[in-house]
Amino acid sequence: PMAERMVQEFGNSIYECYETATCTELESDVCFEDSMASCTTNYDATVETMCSVMIECENEQPASQQDIDTCVSMMIDDEDVAIYACFTEAALGNFETCLEDGPCSETLMDDCMESELGIMTVVEEPMK
C-alpha cells in the first residue's frame, strides 16, 4: 500500500481534510493539493535517476549529463513528479534501485512505481 511509504505529515493532513471537507471539495482534489504542502522529501536524485534510465533505455548507451539535465527540468516543470516529495527517502531510494537494476522495457518505470511506491498505473486497453 502506498500510504506506508509516504511522509506521515502528508497522511495526517489529507486525513484531517477529508474529515471536514464538503462533497464539492472532495471532488476537486483540494485536500490532496493542500496536503502536498507538508511533503518535503527532496526528490532531485529520483528524477535524475528516472531520466538517466529512460534515456539509456531509449538510446542503448549511457545518458549525457546535458540530456539528463534537460529531462529533469522538463519533468519538474511538468509537476507530475511533485508527488515524490510525499514519499519517504527510503521508498524513493528503493524506487531508484529498482529502476537501475531493472532490464529496459516499456513497463520498467510502471513496474517499479507499483512495486516500490505503490502507485498503480492504469493502462487504457485498446477497444477490440
N, C-alpha and C. Protein backbone atom coordinates (compact mmCIF):
# COMPACT_ATOMS: atom_id res chain seq x y z
N PRO A 1 0.82 -1.21 0.00
CA PRO A 1 0.00 0.00 0.00
C PRO A 1 0.86 1.26 0.00
N MET A 2 0.38 2.23 -0.72
CA MET A 2 1.12 3.47 -0.91
C MET A 2 1.33 4.23 0.40
N ALA A 3 0.31 4.27 1.25
CA ALA A 3 0.37 5.11 2.45
C ALA A 3 1.56 4.81 3.34
N GLU A 4 1.95 3.54 3.45
CA GLU A 4 3.07 3.15 4.31
C GLU A 4 4.38 3.77 3.83
N ARG A 5 4.45 4.12 2.57
CA ARG A 5 5.70 4.63 2.02
C ARG A 5 5.72 6.15 1.95
N MET A 6 4.67 6.77 2.49
CA MET A 6 4.56 8.22 2.38
C MET A 6 4.89 8.93 3.68
N VAL A 7 5.19 10.21 3.56
CA VAL A 7 5.51 11.05 4.71
C VAL A 7 4.30 11.13 5.63
N GLN A 8 4.52 10.91 6.92
CA GLN A 8 3.43 10.88 7.90
C GLN A 8 2.59 12.16 7.90
N GLU A 9 3.25 13.31 7.82
CA GLU A 9 2.55 14.60 7.86
C GLU A 9 1.54 14.72 6.72
N PHE A 10 1.91 14.18 5.56
CA PHE A 10 1.02 14.23 4.40
C PHE A 10 -0.24 13.42 4.70
N GLY A 11 -0.05 12.22 5.24
CA GLY A 11 -1.18 11.37 5.60
C GLY A 11 -2.09 12.03 6.61
N ASN A 12 -1.49 12.62 7.65
CA ASN A 12 -2.29 13.30 8.68
C ASN A 12 -3.09 14.44 8.08
N SER A 13 -2.42 15.22 7.25
CA SER A 13 -3.04 16.40 6.66
C SER A 13 -4.21 16.03 5.76
N ILE A 14 -4.00 15.03 4.91
CA ILE A 14 -5.05 14.65 3.97
C ILE A 14 -6.23 14.03 4.73
N TYR A 15 -5.92 13.27 5.78
CA TYR A 15 -6.97 12.63 6.58
C TYR A 15 -7.84 13.69 7.28
N GLU A 16 -7.17 14.68 7.88
CA GLU A 16 -7.90 15.75 8.57
C GLU A 16 -8.77 16.52 7.58
N CYS A 17 -8.24 16.75 6.38
CA CYS A 17 -9.00 17.48 5.36
C CYS A 17 -10.24 16.68 4.95
N TYR A 18 -10.07 15.38 4.74
CA TYR A 18 -11.21 14.54 4.36
C TYR A 18 -12.30 14.54 5.43
N GLU A 19 -11.87 14.64 6.67
CA GLU A 19 -12.85 14.61 7.78
C GLU A 19 -13.81 15.79 7.71
N THR A 20 -13.32 16.95 7.25
CA THR A 20 -14.12 18.18 7.30
C THR A 20 -14.56 18.69 5.94
N ALA A 21 -14.08 18.06 4.87
CA ALA A 21 -14.35 18.57 3.52
C ALA A 21 -15.80 18.38 3.11
N THR A 22 -16.26 19.30 2.28
CA THR A 22 -17.59 19.16 1.68
C THR A 22 -17.46 18.22 0.48
N CYS A 23 -18.57 17.76 -0.04
CA CYS A 23 -18.54 16.87 -1.21
C CYS A 23 -17.87 17.57 -2.40
N THR A 24 -18.17 18.84 -2.56
CA THR A 24 -17.58 19.60 -3.68
C THR A 24 -16.07 19.65 -3.53
N GLU A 25 -15.60 19.89 -2.31
CA GLU A 25 -14.16 19.94 -2.08
C GLU A 25 -13.52 18.58 -2.36
N LEU A 26 -14.18 17.52 -1.95
CA LEU A 26 -13.64 16.18 -2.17
C LEU A 26 -13.50 15.88 -3.66
N GLU A 27 -14.47 16.33 -4.44
CA GLU A 27 -14.42 16.09 -5.89
C GLU A 27 -13.31 16.87 -6.55
N SER A 28 -12.89 17.96 -5.93
CA SER A 28 -11.87 18.80 -6.56
C SER A 28 -10.46 18.55 -6.04
N ASP A 29 -10.00 17.53 -5.58
CA ASP A 29 -8.58 17.33 -5.20
C ASP A 29 -8.02 18.37 -4.25
N VAL A 30 -8.87 19.23 -3.64
CA VAL A 30 -8.35 20.29 -2.78
C VAL A 30 -7.58 19.72 -1.59
N CYS A 31 -8.04 18.62 -1.03
CA CYS A 31 -7.35 18.01 0.13
C CYS A 31 -5.95 17.56 -0.28
N PHE A 32 -5.89 16.93 -1.44
CA PHE A 32 -4.61 16.43 -1.94
C PHE A 32 -3.65 17.59 -2.16
N GLU A 33 -4.14 18.63 -2.83
CA GLU A 33 -3.29 19.77 -3.15
C GLU A 33 -2.83 20.50 -1.89
N ASP A 34 -3.75 20.72 -0.95
CA ASP A 34 -3.38 21.40 0.30
C ASP A 34 -2.40 20.57 1.11
N SER A 35 -2.56 19.26 1.10
CA SER A 35 -1.70 18.38 1.88
C SER A 35 -0.29 18.27 1.29
N MET A 36 -0.18 18.53 0.00
CA MET A 36 1.15 18.48 -0.65
C MET A 36 2.13 19.45 0.02
N ALA A 37 1.62 20.49 0.65
CA ALA A 37 2.49 21.47 1.30
C ALA A 37 3.32 20.83 2.42
N SER A 38 2.84 19.72 2.97
CA SER A 38 3.58 19.07 4.06
C SER A 38 4.61 18.07 3.53
N CYS A 39 4.72 17.94 2.22
CA CYS A 39 5.66 17.00 1.62
C CYS A 39 6.98 17.69 1.34
N THR A 40 8.03 17.24 2.00
CA THR A 40 9.30 17.97 1.88
C THR A 40 10.48 17.09 1.50
N THR A 41 10.24 15.84 1.12
CA THR A 41 11.35 14.97 0.73
C THR A 41 11.97 15.51 -0.56
N ASN A 42 13.30 15.59 -0.59
CA ASN A 42 13.98 16.05 -1.79
C ASN A 42 14.00 14.90 -2.80
N TYR A 43 13.45 15.14 -3.97
CA TYR A 43 13.35 14.07 -4.97
C TYR A 43 14.21 14.34 -6.21
N ASP A 44 15.15 15.28 -6.12
CA ASP A 44 16.00 15.59 -7.27
C ASP A 44 16.72 14.35 -7.80
N ALA A 45 17.31 13.57 -6.88
CA ALA A 45 18.06 12.38 -7.29
C ALA A 45 17.15 11.35 -7.94
N THR A 46 15.93 11.27 -7.46
CA THR A 46 14.97 10.31 -8.03
C THR A 46 14.65 10.66 -9.47
N VAL A 47 14.37 11.94 -9.71
CA VAL A 47 14.03 12.39 -11.07
C VAL A 47 15.25 12.20 -11.98
N GLU A 48 16.43 12.48 -11.45
CA GLU A 48 17.64 12.31 -12.24
C GLU A 48 17.84 10.84 -12.62
N THR A 49 17.58 9.94 -11.67
CA THR A 49 17.70 8.51 -11.95
C THR A 49 16.67 8.08 -12.99
N MET A 50 15.43 8.57 -12.85
CA MET A 50 14.39 8.22 -13.82
C MET A 50 14.82 8.66 -15.22
N CYS A 51 15.32 9.87 -15.32
CA CYS A 51 15.75 10.40 -16.63
C CYS A 51 16.90 9.60 -17.19
N SER A 52 17.89 9.34 -16.35
CA SER A 52 19.07 8.61 -16.78
C SER A 52 18.69 7.24 -17.32
N VAL A 53 17.85 6.52 -16.59
CA VAL A 53 17.44 5.18 -17.00
C VAL A 53 16.59 5.23 -18.28
N MET A 54 15.66 6.20 -18.35
CA MET A 54 14.81 6.30 -19.55
C MET A 54 15.66 6.57 -20.79
N ILE A 55 16.61 7.51 -20.67
CA ILE A 55 17.44 7.87 -21.82
C ILE A 55 18.33 6.69 -22.21
N GLU A 56 18.94 6.03 -21.21
CA GLU A 56 19.80 4.89 -21.50
C GLU A 56 19.01 3.78 -22.18
N CYS A 57 17.79 3.55 -21.73
CA CYS A 57 16.97 2.51 -22.33
C CYS A 57 16.59 2.85 -23.76
N GLU A 58 16.32 4.13 -24.03
CA GLU A 58 15.95 4.54 -25.38
C GLU A 58 17.13 4.48 -26.34
N ASN A 59 18.29 4.94 -25.86
CA ASN A 59 19.45 5.08 -26.75
C ASN A 59 20.43 3.92 -26.67
N GLU A 60 20.21 3.02 -25.72
CA GLU A 60 21.08 1.87 -25.50
C GLU A 60 22.53 2.28 -25.26
N GLN A 61 22.71 3.44 -24.62
CA GLN A 61 24.04 3.88 -24.19
C GLN A 61 23.85 4.87 -23.05
N PRO A 62 24.90 5.06 -22.23
CA PRO A 62 24.76 5.96 -21.08
C PRO A 62 24.34 7.37 -21.51
N ALA A 63 23.51 7.99 -20.68
CA ALA A 63 22.99 9.33 -20.98
C ALA A 63 24.04 10.38 -20.64
N SER A 64 24.10 11.44 -21.46
CA SER A 64 25.00 12.55 -21.15
C SER A 64 24.36 13.38 -20.04
N GLN A 65 25.18 14.10 -19.27
CA GLN A 65 24.65 14.94 -18.20
C GLN A 65 23.71 16.00 -18.76
N GLN A 66 24.02 16.50 -19.95
CA GLN A 66 23.17 17.53 -20.57
C GLN A 66 21.78 16.97 -20.87
N ASP A 67 21.73 15.75 -21.42
CA ASP A 67 20.43 15.12 -21.70
C ASP A 67 19.66 14.89 -20.41
N ILE A 68 20.36 14.45 -19.37
CA ILE A 68 19.72 14.21 -18.07
C ILE A 68 19.15 15.52 -17.53
N ASP A 69 19.96 16.59 -17.57
CA ASP A 69 19.51 17.89 -17.04
C ASP A 69 18.28 18.40 -17.79
N THR A 70 18.26 18.25 -19.11
CA THR A 70 17.13 18.68 -19.91
C THR A 70 15.88 17.91 -19.51
N CYS A 71 16.03 16.60 -19.37
CA CYS A 71 14.92 15.73 -18.98
C CYS A 71 14.41 16.10 -17.59
N VAL A 72 15.34 16.33 -16.65
CA VAL A 72 14.96 16.67 -15.27
C VAL A 72 14.14 17.96 -15.25
N SER A 73 14.61 19.00 -15.98
CA SER A 73 13.87 20.26 -15.93
C SER A 73 12.50 20.10 -16.58
N MET A 74 12.41 19.28 -17.62
CA MET A 74 11.09 19.03 -18.23
C MET A 74 10.16 18.32 -17.25
N MET A 75 10.67 17.33 -16.56
CA MET A 75 9.83 16.57 -15.63
C MET A 75 9.39 17.42 -14.44
N ILE A 76 10.29 18.28 -13.96
CA ILE A 76 9.95 19.12 -12.81
C ILE A 76 8.95 20.20 -13.24
N ASP A 77 9.10 20.74 -14.45
CA ASP A 77 8.13 21.71 -14.96
C ASP A 77 6.76 21.07 -15.13
N ASP A 78 6.75 19.81 -15.46
CA ASP A 78 5.51 19.07 -15.71
C ASP A 78 4.68 18.90 -14.44
N GLU A 79 5.33 18.99 -13.29
CA GLU A 79 4.69 18.90 -11.97
C GLU A 79 4.15 17.52 -11.61
N ASP A 80 4.19 16.57 -12.54
CA ASP A 80 3.74 15.22 -12.19
C ASP A 80 4.64 14.59 -11.14
N VAL A 81 5.87 15.04 -11.08
CA VAL A 81 6.82 14.43 -10.15
C VAL A 81 6.74 15.02 -8.75
N ALA A 82 5.96 16.08 -8.55
CA ALA A 82 5.87 16.73 -7.24
C ALA A 82 5.41 15.75 -6.16
N ILE A 83 4.64 14.75 -6.54
CA ILE A 83 4.15 13.76 -5.58
C ILE A 83 5.30 13.01 -4.91
N TYR A 84 6.43 12.92 -5.57
CA TYR A 84 7.57 12.19 -4.97
C TYR A 84 8.02 12.81 -3.66
N ALA A 85 7.76 14.10 -3.47
CA ALA A 85 8.13 14.77 -2.22
C ALA A 85 7.36 14.20 -1.04
N CYS A 86 6.27 13.49 -1.33
CA CYS A 86 5.42 12.94 -0.28
C CYS A 86 5.84 11.54 0.15
N PHE A 87 6.82 10.97 -0.53
CA PHE A 87 7.31 9.65 -0.15
C PHE A 87 8.51 9.76 0.77
N THR A 88 8.76 8.72 1.54
CA THR A 88 9.92 8.72 2.42
C THR A 88 11.18 8.57 1.57
N GLU A 89 12.31 8.99 2.13
CA GLU A 89 13.58 8.85 1.41
C GLU A 89 13.87 7.38 1.11
N ALA A 90 13.52 6.51 2.05
CA ALA A 90 13.78 5.08 1.87
C ALA A 90 12.99 4.54 0.67
N ALA A 91 11.72 4.94 0.56
CA ALA A 91 10.89 4.47 -0.55
C ALA A 91 11.45 4.97 -1.88
N LEU A 92 11.88 6.22 -1.92
CA LEU A 92 12.44 6.77 -3.16
C LEU A 92 13.75 6.06 -3.50
N GLY A 93 14.54 5.76 -2.48
CA GLY A 93 15.80 5.03 -2.70
C GLY A 93 15.54 3.66 -3.31
N ASN A 94 14.52 2.98 -2.81
CA ASN A 94 14.17 1.66 -3.34
C ASN A 94 13.68 1.76 -4.78
N PHE A 95 12.94 2.83 -5.06
CA PHE A 95 12.43 3.06 -6.42
C PHE A 95 13.60 3.27 -7.38
N GLU A 96 14.58 4.08 -6.96
CA GLU A 96 15.76 4.33 -7.81
C GLU A 96 16.52 3.04 -8.07
N THR A 97 16.71 2.24 -7.03
CA THR A 97 17.44 0.97 -7.17
C THR A 97 16.70 0.05 -8.13
N CYS A 98 15.38 0.00 -8.02
CA CYS A 98 14.56 -0.82 -8.91
C CYS A 98 14.78 -0.40 -10.36
N LEU A 99 14.78 0.90 -10.62
CA LEU A 99 14.98 1.40 -11.98
C LEU A 99 16.37 1.04 -12.50
N GLU A 100 17.37 1.24 -11.64
CA GLU A 100 18.76 1.00 -12.07
C GLU A 100 19.03 -0.48 -12.30
N ASP A 101 18.36 -1.35 -11.54
CA ASP A 101 18.61 -2.79 -11.64
C ASP A 101 17.77 -3.46 -12.71
N GLY A 102 16.68 -2.80 -13.09
CA GLY A 102 15.72 -3.45 -13.98
C GLY A 102 16.20 -3.51 -15.41
N PRO A 103 15.76 -4.55 -16.12
CA PRO A 103 16.06 -4.59 -17.56
C PRO A 103 15.21 -3.54 -18.26
N CYS A 104 15.73 -2.95 -19.32
CA CYS A 104 14.97 -1.96 -20.06
C CYS A 104 13.72 -2.60 -20.63
N SER A 105 12.60 -1.96 -20.40
CA SER A 105 11.35 -2.41 -21.01
C SER A 105 10.38 -1.25 -20.95
N GLU A 106 9.31 -1.35 -21.72
CA GLU A 106 8.31 -0.28 -21.72
C GLU A 106 7.62 -0.17 -20.38
N THR A 107 7.65 -1.23 -19.59
CA THR A 107 6.92 -1.22 -18.32
C THR A 107 7.82 -1.04 -17.10
N LEU A 108 9.13 -0.88 -17.32
CA LEU A 108 10.06 -0.77 -16.18
C LEU A 108 9.64 0.31 -15.19
N MET A 109 9.37 1.52 -15.69
CA MET A 109 9.01 2.64 -14.82
C MET A 109 7.73 2.32 -14.04
N ASP A 110 6.72 1.83 -14.75
CA ASP A 110 5.44 1.50 -14.11
C ASP A 110 5.61 0.37 -13.10
N ASP A 111 6.39 -0.64 -13.47
CA ASP A 111 6.60 -1.78 -12.57
C ASP A 111 7.26 -1.34 -11.27
N CYS A 112 8.27 -0.48 -11.38
CA CYS A 112 8.97 -0.01 -10.18
C CYS A 112 8.08 0.92 -9.35
N MET A 113 7.29 1.75 -10.03
CA MET A 113 6.37 2.64 -9.29
C MET A 113 5.41 1.80 -8.47
N GLU A 114 4.94 0.71 -9.08
CA GLU A 114 3.98 -0.14 -8.39
C GLU A 114 4.65 -0.91 -7.26
N SER A 115 5.80 -1.53 -7.53
CA SER A 115 6.42 -2.38 -6.51
C SER A 115 7.04 -1.58 -5.37
N GLU A 116 7.61 -0.41 -5.66
CA GLU A 116 8.34 0.34 -4.63
C GLU A 116 7.56 1.49 -4.02
N LEU A 117 6.64 2.09 -4.78
CA LEU A 117 5.90 3.25 -4.27
C LEU A 117 4.42 2.96 -4.08
N GLY A 118 3.95 1.86 -4.65
CA GLY A 118 2.54 1.53 -4.53
C GLY A 118 1.66 2.34 -5.46
N ILE A 119 2.27 2.97 -6.47
CA ILE A 119 1.49 3.76 -7.43
C ILE A 119 1.08 2.83 -8.57
N MET A 120 -0.21 2.69 -8.75
CA MET A 120 -0.71 1.84 -9.83
C MET A 120 -0.90 2.69 -11.08
N THR A 121 -0.42 2.18 -12.20
CA THR A 121 -0.61 2.89 -13.45
C THR A 121 -1.74 2.22 -14.21
N VAL A 122 -2.71 3.00 -14.58
CA VAL A 122 -3.85 2.45 -15.31
C VAL A 122 -3.52 2.49 -16.80
N VAL A 123 -3.56 1.34 -17.41
CA VAL A 123 -3.29 1.25 -18.83
C VAL A 123 -4.62 1.14 -19.56
N GLU A 124 -4.83 2.05 -20.49
CA GLU A 124 -6.06 2.01 -21.28
C GLU A 124 -5.94 0.88 -22.29
N GLU A 125 -6.84 -0.08 -22.20
CA GLU A 125 -6.81 -1.18 -23.16
C GLU A 125 -7.46 -0.71 -24.47
N PRO A 126 -6.84 -1.02 -25.58
CA PRO A 126 -7.45 -0.60 -26.86
C PRO A 126 -8.76 -1.35 -27.08
N MET A 127 -9.70 -0.68 -27.69
CA MET A 127 -11.01 -1.29 -27.96
C MET A 127 -10.84 -2.36 -29.04
N LYS A 128 -11.55 -3.46 -28.86
CA LYS A 128 -11.46 -4.53 -29.87
C LYS A 128 -12.65 -4.46 -30.82
